[in-house]
C-alpha atoms as a PDB file:
ATOM      1  CA  MET A   1       5.378  52.848 -43.534  1.00  0.00           C
ATOM      2  CA  LYS A   2       2.658  51.375 -45.669  1.00  0.00           C
ATOM      3  CA  THR A   3      -0.426  49.413 -44.870  1.00  0.00           C
ATOM      4  CA  ILE A   4      -0.277  45.632 -45.174  1.00  0.00           C
ATOM      5  CA  ILE A   5      -2.979  44.412 -47.593  1.00  0.00           C
ATOM      6  CA  THR A   6      -5.126  41.365 -46.685  1.00  0.00           C
ATOM      7  CA  THR A   7      -7.274  38.809 -48.348  1.00  0.00           C
ATOM      8  CA  PRO A   8      -9.245  39.058 -50.622  1.00  0.00           C
ATOM      9  CA  ASP A   9      -7.246  41.966 -52.175  1.00  0.00           C
ATOM     10  CA  PRO A  10      -6.576  40.825 -55.711  1.00  0.00           C
ATOM     11  CA  ARG A  11      -3.083  42.194 -55.754  1.00  0.00           C
ATOM     12  CA  LEU A  12      -2.086  39.277 -53.454  1.00  0.00           C
ATOM     13  CA  ARG A  13      -2.871  36.809 -56.349  1.00  0.00           C
ATOM     14  CA  LEU A  14      -0.647  38.587 -58.989  1.00  0.00           C
ATOM     15  CA  LYS A  15       2.636  37.169 -60.142  1.00  0.00           C
ATOM     16  CA  SER A  16       5.322  39.654 -59.190  1.00  0.00           C
ATOM     17  CA  ALA A  17       7.733  41.142 -61.649  1.00  0.00           C
ATOM     18  CA  LYS A  18      11.486  40.643 -61.489  1.00  0.00           C
ATOM     19  CA  VAL A  19      13.536  43.512 -60.211  1.00  0.00           C
ATOM     20  CA  ARG A  20      15.754  44.649 -63.156  1.00  0.00           C
ATOM     21  CA  GLU A  21      17.852  47.108 -61.235  1.00  0.00           C
ATOM     22  CA  ILE A  22      18.367  47.820 -57.530  1.00  0.00           C
ATOM     23  CA  THR A  23      17.635  51.478 -57.024  1.00  0.00           C
ATOM     24  CA  ASP A  24      16.865  53.969 -54.234  1.00  0.00           C
ATOM     25  CA  GLU A  25      13.265  52.979 -54.849  1.00  0.00           C
ATOM     26  CA  THR A  26      14.071  49.429 -54.169  1.00  0.00           C
ATOM     27  CA  ARG A  27      15.786  50.276 -50.998  1.00  0.00           C
ATOM     28  CA  GLU A  28      12.856  52.379 -49.937  1.00  0.00           C
ATOM     29  CA  ILE A  29      10.446  49.449 -50.557  1.00  0.00           C
ATOM     30  CA  ILE A  30      12.676  47.242 -48.499  1.00  0.00           C
ATOM     31  CA  GLY A  31      12.663  49.813 -45.609  1.00  0.00           C
ATOM     32  CA  ASP A  32       8.892  50.067 -45.787  1.00  0.00           C
ATOM     33  CA  MET A  33       8.592  46.258 -45.557  1.00  0.00           C
ATOM     34  CA  VAL A  34      10.741  46.041 -42.518  1.00  0.00           C
ATOM     35  CA  ALA A  35       8.923  48.972 -40.808  1.00  0.00           C
ATOM     36  CA  SER A  36       5.482  47.533 -41.643  1.00  0.00           C
ATOM     37  CA  SER A  37       6.580  44.090 -40.356  1.00  0.00           C
ATOM     38  CA  LEU A  38       7.635  45.503 -36.994  1.00  0.00           C
ATOM     39  CA  GLU A  39       4.624  47.686 -36.722  1.00  0.00           C
ATOM     40  CA  TRP A  40       2.368  44.656 -37.226  1.00  0.00           C
ATOM     41  CA  GLU A  41       4.305  42.825 -34.635  1.00  0.00           C
ATOM     42  CA  LYS A  42       3.684  45.510 -32.047  1.00  0.00           C
ATOM     43  CA  GLN A  43       0.025  45.140 -32.523  1.00  0.00           C
ATOM     44  CA  HIS A  44       0.221  41.238 -32.192  1.00  0.00           C
ATOM     45  CA  PRO A  45       2.077  40.570 -28.865  1.00  0.00           C
ATOM     46  CA  TYR A  46       1.883  36.781 -29.214  1.00  0.00           C
ATOM     47  CA  GLU A  47       3.352  36.604 -32.730  1.00  0.00           C
ATOM     48  CA  LEU A  48       6.669  37.125 -34.382  1.00  0.00           C
ATOM     49  CA  SER A  49       6.864  38.859 -37.795  1.00  0.00           C
ATOM     50  CA  ALA A  50       9.338  36.520 -39.413  1.00  0.00           C
ATOM     51  CA  ALA A  51       9.281  37.842 -42.984  1.00  0.00           C
ATOM     52  CA  MET A  52       7.288  39.778 -45.579  1.00  0.00           C
ATOM     53  CA  ALA A  53       7.002  39.789 -49.351  1.00  0.00           C
ATOM     54  CA  ALA A  54       6.575  43.092 -51.307  1.00  0.00           C
ATOM     55  CA  PRO A  55       3.186  42.021 -52.652  1.00  0.00           C
ATOM     56  CA  GLN A  56       1.882  42.195 -49.039  1.00  0.00           C
ATOM     57  CA  LEU A  57       2.305  46.003 -49.431  1.00  0.00           C
ATOM     58  CA  GLY A  58       0.574  45.970 -52.800  1.00  0.00           C
ATOM     59  CA  ILE A  59       3.945  46.167 -54.565  1.00  0.00           C
ATOM     60  CA  ASN A  60       4.228  43.317 -57.088  1.00  0.00           C
ATOM     61  CA  GLN A  61       8.077  43.166 -57.284  1.00  0.00           C
ATOM     62  CA  ARG A  62      10.080  40.045 -56.447  1.00  0.00           C
ATOM     63  CA  ILE A  63      11.436  41.201 -53.032  1.00  0.00           C
ATOM     64  CA  ILE A  64      11.223  39.515 -49.692  1.00  0.00           C
ATOM     65  CA  VAL A  65      12.731  40.430 -46.284  1.00  0.00           C
ATOM     66  CA  VAL A  66      13.496  37.742 -43.649  1.00  0.00           C
ATOM     67  CA  ARG A  67      14.276  38.370 -40.058  1.00  0.00           C
ATOM     68  CA  ASP A  68      17.830  37.451 -39.176  1.00  0.00           C
ATOM     69  CA  ASP A  69      16.863  35.648 -35.984  1.00  0.00           C
ATOM     70  CA  LEU A  70      13.597  33.814 -36.238  1.00  0.00           C
ATOM     71  CA  GLU A  71      13.520  33.164 -32.516  1.00  0.00           C
ATOM     72  CA  ASP A  72      14.484  36.478 -30.981  1.00  0.00           C
ATOM     73  CA  LYS A  73      11.770  39.139 -31.110  1.00  0.00           C
ATOM     74  CA  THR A  74      14.336  41.767 -29.882  1.00  0.00           C
ATOM     75  CA  ASN A  75      16.431  41.315 -32.925  1.00  0.00           C
ATOM     76  CA  ASN A  76      14.819  43.748 -35.433  1.00  0.00           C
ATOM     77  CA  HIS A  77      17.292  43.160 -38.291  1.00  0.00           C
ATOM     78  CA  PHE A  78      16.013  41.714 -41.554  1.00  0.00           C
ATOM     79  CA  THR A  79      17.847  40.633 -44.660  1.00  0.00           C
ATOM     80  CA  ALA A  80      16.320  41.552 -48.096  1.00  0.00           C
ATOM     81  CA  LEU A  81      16.429  38.941 -50.917  1.00  0.00           C
ATOM     82  CA  ILE A  82      15.772  40.298 -54.357  1.00  0.00           C
ATOM     83  CA  ASN A  83      14.561  37.933 -57.113  1.00  0.00           C
ATOM     84  CA  PRO A  84      14.744  34.911 -54.892  1.00  0.00           C
ATOM     85  CA  GLU A  85      14.407  31.546 -56.675  1.00  0.00           C
ATOM     86  CA  VAL A  86      14.123  28.005 -55.279  1.00  0.00           C
ATOM     87  CA  ILE A  87      16.886  25.956 -56.775  1.00  0.00           C
ATOM     88  CA  ARG A  88      15.730  22.725 -55.154  1.00  0.00           C
ATOM     89  CA  THR A  89      13.999  21.290 -52.158  1.00  0.00           C
ATOM     90  CA  GLU A  90      14.922  18.187 -50.225  1.00  0.00           C
ATOM     91  CA  GLY A  91      13.780  16.020 -47.422  1.00  0.00           C
ATOM     92  CA  LYS A  92      10.535  14.406 -46.480  1.00  0.00           C
ATOM     93  CA  PRO A  93       7.818  17.111 -46.190  1.00  0.00           C
ATOM     94  CA  GLU A  94       6.976  18.193 -42.696  1.00  0.00           C
ATOM     95  CA  THR A  95       3.711  19.625 -41.456  1.00  0.00           C
ATOM     96  CA  ASP A  96       3.775  22.638 -39.190  1.00  0.00           C
ATOM     97  CA  PHE A  97       1.776  25.798 -38.340  1.00  0.00           C
ATOM     98  CA  GLU A  98       1.824  28.932 -40.590  1.00  0.00           C
ATOM     99  CA  GLY A  99       0.231  32.239 -40.398  1.00  0.00           C
ATOM    100  CA  CYS A 100       0.438  35.209 -42.506  1.00  0.00           C
ATOM    101  CA  LEU A 101       0.246  39.037 -42.112  1.00  0.00           C
ATOM    102  CA  SER A 102      -2.109  39.114 -45.078  1.00  0.00           C
ATOM    103  CA  VAL A 103      -4.483  36.383 -43.883  1.00  0.00           C
ATOM    104  CA  PRO A 104      -5.797  37.812 -40.490  1.00  0.00           C
ATOM    105  CA  GLU A 105      -6.513  35.524 -37.678  1.00  0.00           C
ATOM    106  CA  ILE A 106      -6.264  32.317 -39.611  1.00  0.00           C
ATOM    107  CA  TYR A 107      -3.472  29.772 -39.172  1.00  0.00           C
ATOM    108  CA  GLY A 108      -2.960  26.378 -40.753  1.00  0.00           C
ATOM    109  CA  ARG A 109      -0.995  23.221 -40.734  1.00  0.00           C
ATOM    110  CA  VAL A 110       0.972  23.247 -44.006  1.00  0.00           C
ATOM    111  CA  SER A 111       3.187  20.476 -45.396  1.00  0.00           C
ATOM    112  CA  ARG A 112       6.395  21.699 -46.958  1.00  0.00           C
ATOM    113  CA  PRO A 113       9.914  20.218 -47.728  1.00  0.00           C
ATOM    114  CA  ARG A 114      12.319  20.196 -44.783  1.00  0.00           C
ATOM    115  CA  LYS A 115      15.293  21.734 -46.831  1.00  0.00           C
ATOM    116  CA  VAL A 116      15.514  24.328 -49.540  1.00  0.00           C
ATOM    117  CA  LYS A 117      18.222  25.919 -51.561  1.00  0.00           C
ATOM    118  CA  VAL A 118      17.613  29.448 -52.793  1.00  0.00           C
ATOM    119  CA  LYS A 119      19.501  31.923 -54.890  1.00  0.00           C
ATOM    120  CA  ALA A 120      18.829  35.606 -54.793  1.00  0.00           C
ATOM    121  CA  LEU A 121      20.433  39.040 -54.845  1.00  0.00           C
ATOM    122  CA  LEU A 122      21.207  40.967 -51.839  1.00  0.00           C
ATOM    123  CA  GLU A 123      20.519  44.678 -51.375  1.00  0.00           C
ATOM    124  CA  ASP A 124      24.031  45.557 -52.599  1.00  0.00           C
ATOM    125  CA  GLY A 125      23.466  43.555 -55.869  1.00  0.00           C
ATOM    126  CA  SER A 126      25.690  40.568 -55.031  1.00  0.00           C
ATOM    127  CA  GLU A 127      24.342  37.120 -55.594  1.00  0.00           C
ATOM    128  CA  VAL A 128      23.801  34.802 -52.647  1.00  0.00           C
ATOM    129  CA  ARG A 129      22.952  31.086 -52.438  1.00  0.00           C
ATOM    130  CA  LEU A 130      21.282  29.947 -49.212  1.00  0.00           C
ATOM    131  CA  LYS A 131      20.802  26.432 -47.793  1.00  0.00           C
ATOM    132  CA  ALA A 132      17.964  26.409 -45.193  1.00  0.00           C
ATOM    133  CA  GLU A 133      16.063  23.849 -43.222  1.00  0.00           C
ATOM    134  CA  GLY A 134      13.287  23.693 -40.720  1.00  0.00           C
ATOM    135  CA  PHE A 135      11.502  27.042 -39.915  1.00  0.00           C
ATOM    136  CA  LEU A 136      13.879  29.131 -42.056  1.00  0.00           C
ATOM    137  CA  ALA A 137      13.181  26.820 -45.099  1.00  0.00           C
ATOM    138  CA  ARG A 138       9.353  27.056 -44.397  1.00  0.00           C
ATOM    139  CA  THR A 139       9.576  30.901 -44.176  1.00  0.00           C
ATOM    140  CA  LEU A 140      11.521  31.161 -47.462  1.00  0.00           C
ATOM    141  CA  LEU A 141       9.053  28.909 -49.258  1.00  0.00           C
ATOM    142  CA  HIS A 142       6.077  30.814 -47.783  1.00  0.00           C
ATOM    143  CA  GLU A 143       7.455  34.190 -48.917  1.00  0.00           C
ATOM    144  CA  ILE A 144       8.547  33.023 -52.330  1.00  0.00           C
ATOM    145  CA  ASP A 145       4.939  31.635 -52.797  1.00  0.00           C
ATOM    146  CA  HIS A 146       3.724  35.229 -52.223  1.00  0.00           C
ATOM    147  CA  LEU A 147       5.752  36.349 -55.331  1.00  0.00           C
ATOM    148  CA  ASP A 148       3.773  33.926 -57.362  1.00  0.00           C
ATOM    149  CA  GLY A 149       0.320  34.890 -55.997  1.00  0.00           C
ATOM    150  CA  ILE A 150       0.196  31.791 -53.727  1.00  0.00           C
ATOM    151  CA  LEU A 151      -1.063  32.094 -50.059  1.00  0.00           C
ATOM    152  CA  PHE A 152      -0.479  29.323 -47.471  1.00  0.00           C
ATOM    153  CA  ILE A 153      -4.150  28.664 -47.232  1.00  0.00           C
ATOM    154  CA  ASP A 154      -3.964  27.475 -50.880  1.00  0.00           C
ATOM    155  CA  HIS A 155      -1.908  24.496 -49.723  1.00  0.00           C
ATOM    156  CA  ILE A 156      -4.620  23.325 -47.336  1.00  0.00           C
ATOM    157  CA  ARG A 157      -7.864  24.342 -49.058  1.00  0.00           C
ATOM    158  CA  GLY A 158     -10.561  21.683 -48.350  1.00  0.00           C
ATOM    159  CA  GLN A 159      -8.573  20.116 -45.460  1.00  0.00           C
ATOM    160  CA  LYS A 160     -11.154  20.474 -42.752  1.00  0.00           C
ATOM    161  CA  ASP A 161      -8.749  19.761 -39.921  1.00  0.00           C
ATOM    162  CA  ALA A 162      -5.909  22.104 -41.101  1.00  0.00           C
ATOM    163  CA  PHE A 163      -7.278  25.451 -40.083  1.00  0.00           C
ATOM    164  CA  TYR A 164      -6.784  27.101 -36.716  1.00  0.00           C
ATOM    165  CA  ARG A 165      -7.535  30.532 -35.018  1.00  0.00           C
ATOM    166  CA  MET A 166      -5.576  32.169 -32.207  1.00  0.00           C
ATOM    167  CA  ASN A 167      -7.367  32.699 -28.981  1.00  0.00           C
ATOM    168  CA  ASN A 168      -6.783  35.621 -26.586  1.00  0.00           C
ATOM    169  CA  LYS A 169      -4.104  33.689 -24.675  1.00  0.00           C
ATOM    170  CA  GLY A 170      -2.057  33.258 -27.821  1.00  0.00           C
ATOM    171  CA  ASP A 171      -2.936  29.564 -28.240  1.00  0.00           C
ATOM    172  CA  LEU A 172      -4.183  28.058 -31.560  1.00  0.00           C
ATOM    173  CA  ASP A 173      -7.534  26.457 -31.412  1.00  0.00           C
ATOM    174  CA  PRO A 174      -8.780  24.214 -34.337  1.00  0.00           C
ATOM    175  CA  VAL A 175     -11.512  25.768 -36.358  1.00  0.00           C
ATOM    176  CA  GLN A 176     -14.490  23.512 -35.267  1.00  0.00           C
ATOM    177  CA  ASP A 177     -16.555  23.786 -38.338  1.00  0.00           C
ATOM    178  CA  TYR A 178     -14.753  24.338 -41.564  1.00  0.00           C
ATOM    179  CA  ASN A 179     -17.832  24.873 -43.738  1.00  0.00           C
ATOM    180  CA  THR A 180     -19.189  27.523 -41.285  1.00  0.00           C
ATOM    181  CA  GLU A 181     -15.882  29.183 -41.103  1.00  0.00           C
ATOM    182  CA  ILE A 182     -15.609  29.449 -44.894  1.00  0.00           C
ATOM    183  CA  ALA A 183     -19.167  30.663 -45.125  1.00  0.00           C
ATOM    184  CA  ASN A 184     -18.594  33.327 -42.478  1.00  0.00           C
ATOM    185  CA  ASN A 185     -15.113  34.373 -43.696  1.00  0.00           C
ATOM    186  CA  ARG A 186     -15.431  34.995 -47.550  1.00  0.00           C
ATOM    187  CA  ASN A 187     -11.999  36.726 -47.359  1.00  0.00           C
ATOM    188  CA  LEU A 188     -10.348  33.347 -47.284  1.00  0.00           C
ATOM    189  CA  PHE A 189     -11.638  31.877 -50.554  1.00  0.00           C
ATOM    190  CA  PRO A 190     -13.963  34.565 -52.009  1.00  0.00           C
ATOM    191  CA  GLU A 191     -14.784  32.534 -55.059  1.00  0.00           C
ATOM    192  CA  GLU A 192     -16.407  29.745 -52.977  1.00  0.00           C
ATOM    193  CA  ASP A 193     -20.076  30.617 -52.910  1.00  0.00           C
END
């Protein structure tokens, strides 16, 4: 199991390389991603680890893992998608909450398309094309963003009413003063001085 890296680690901002061949090392990375996701979840009782991208372990390869059931915390099975590509998005954008294992304690209301079509390779090397909507579409878009060095906070930078913090009861409270939050948390946007 590897440590999940967090902002402002510069590796999170790199564009990831395409996986040229699925090897035992690829499968080991996938196993580390799943184990790290589940370990993170044990330490965050109010949250579900829905997915992870390889860059979150400091591995800049185009690999994501997505939980098979995004509503059932007892289902610990994930599907790996290798070299995932967005073919198209559809539908009026919807705004909903997002968090990230690599952006501790901060959540945001992010607008994303309602539907997405993605193609990728499965762990056995076969190609798959997925149509997703709602939370699964949002999850796929969030993770594919990671592969291009994009974090969810980049979509809401400067939107003073879009940032939230989880309280000790598991509820999200709005960040009252965006400017103070940014000043006190340079990890979000370290270049803003």
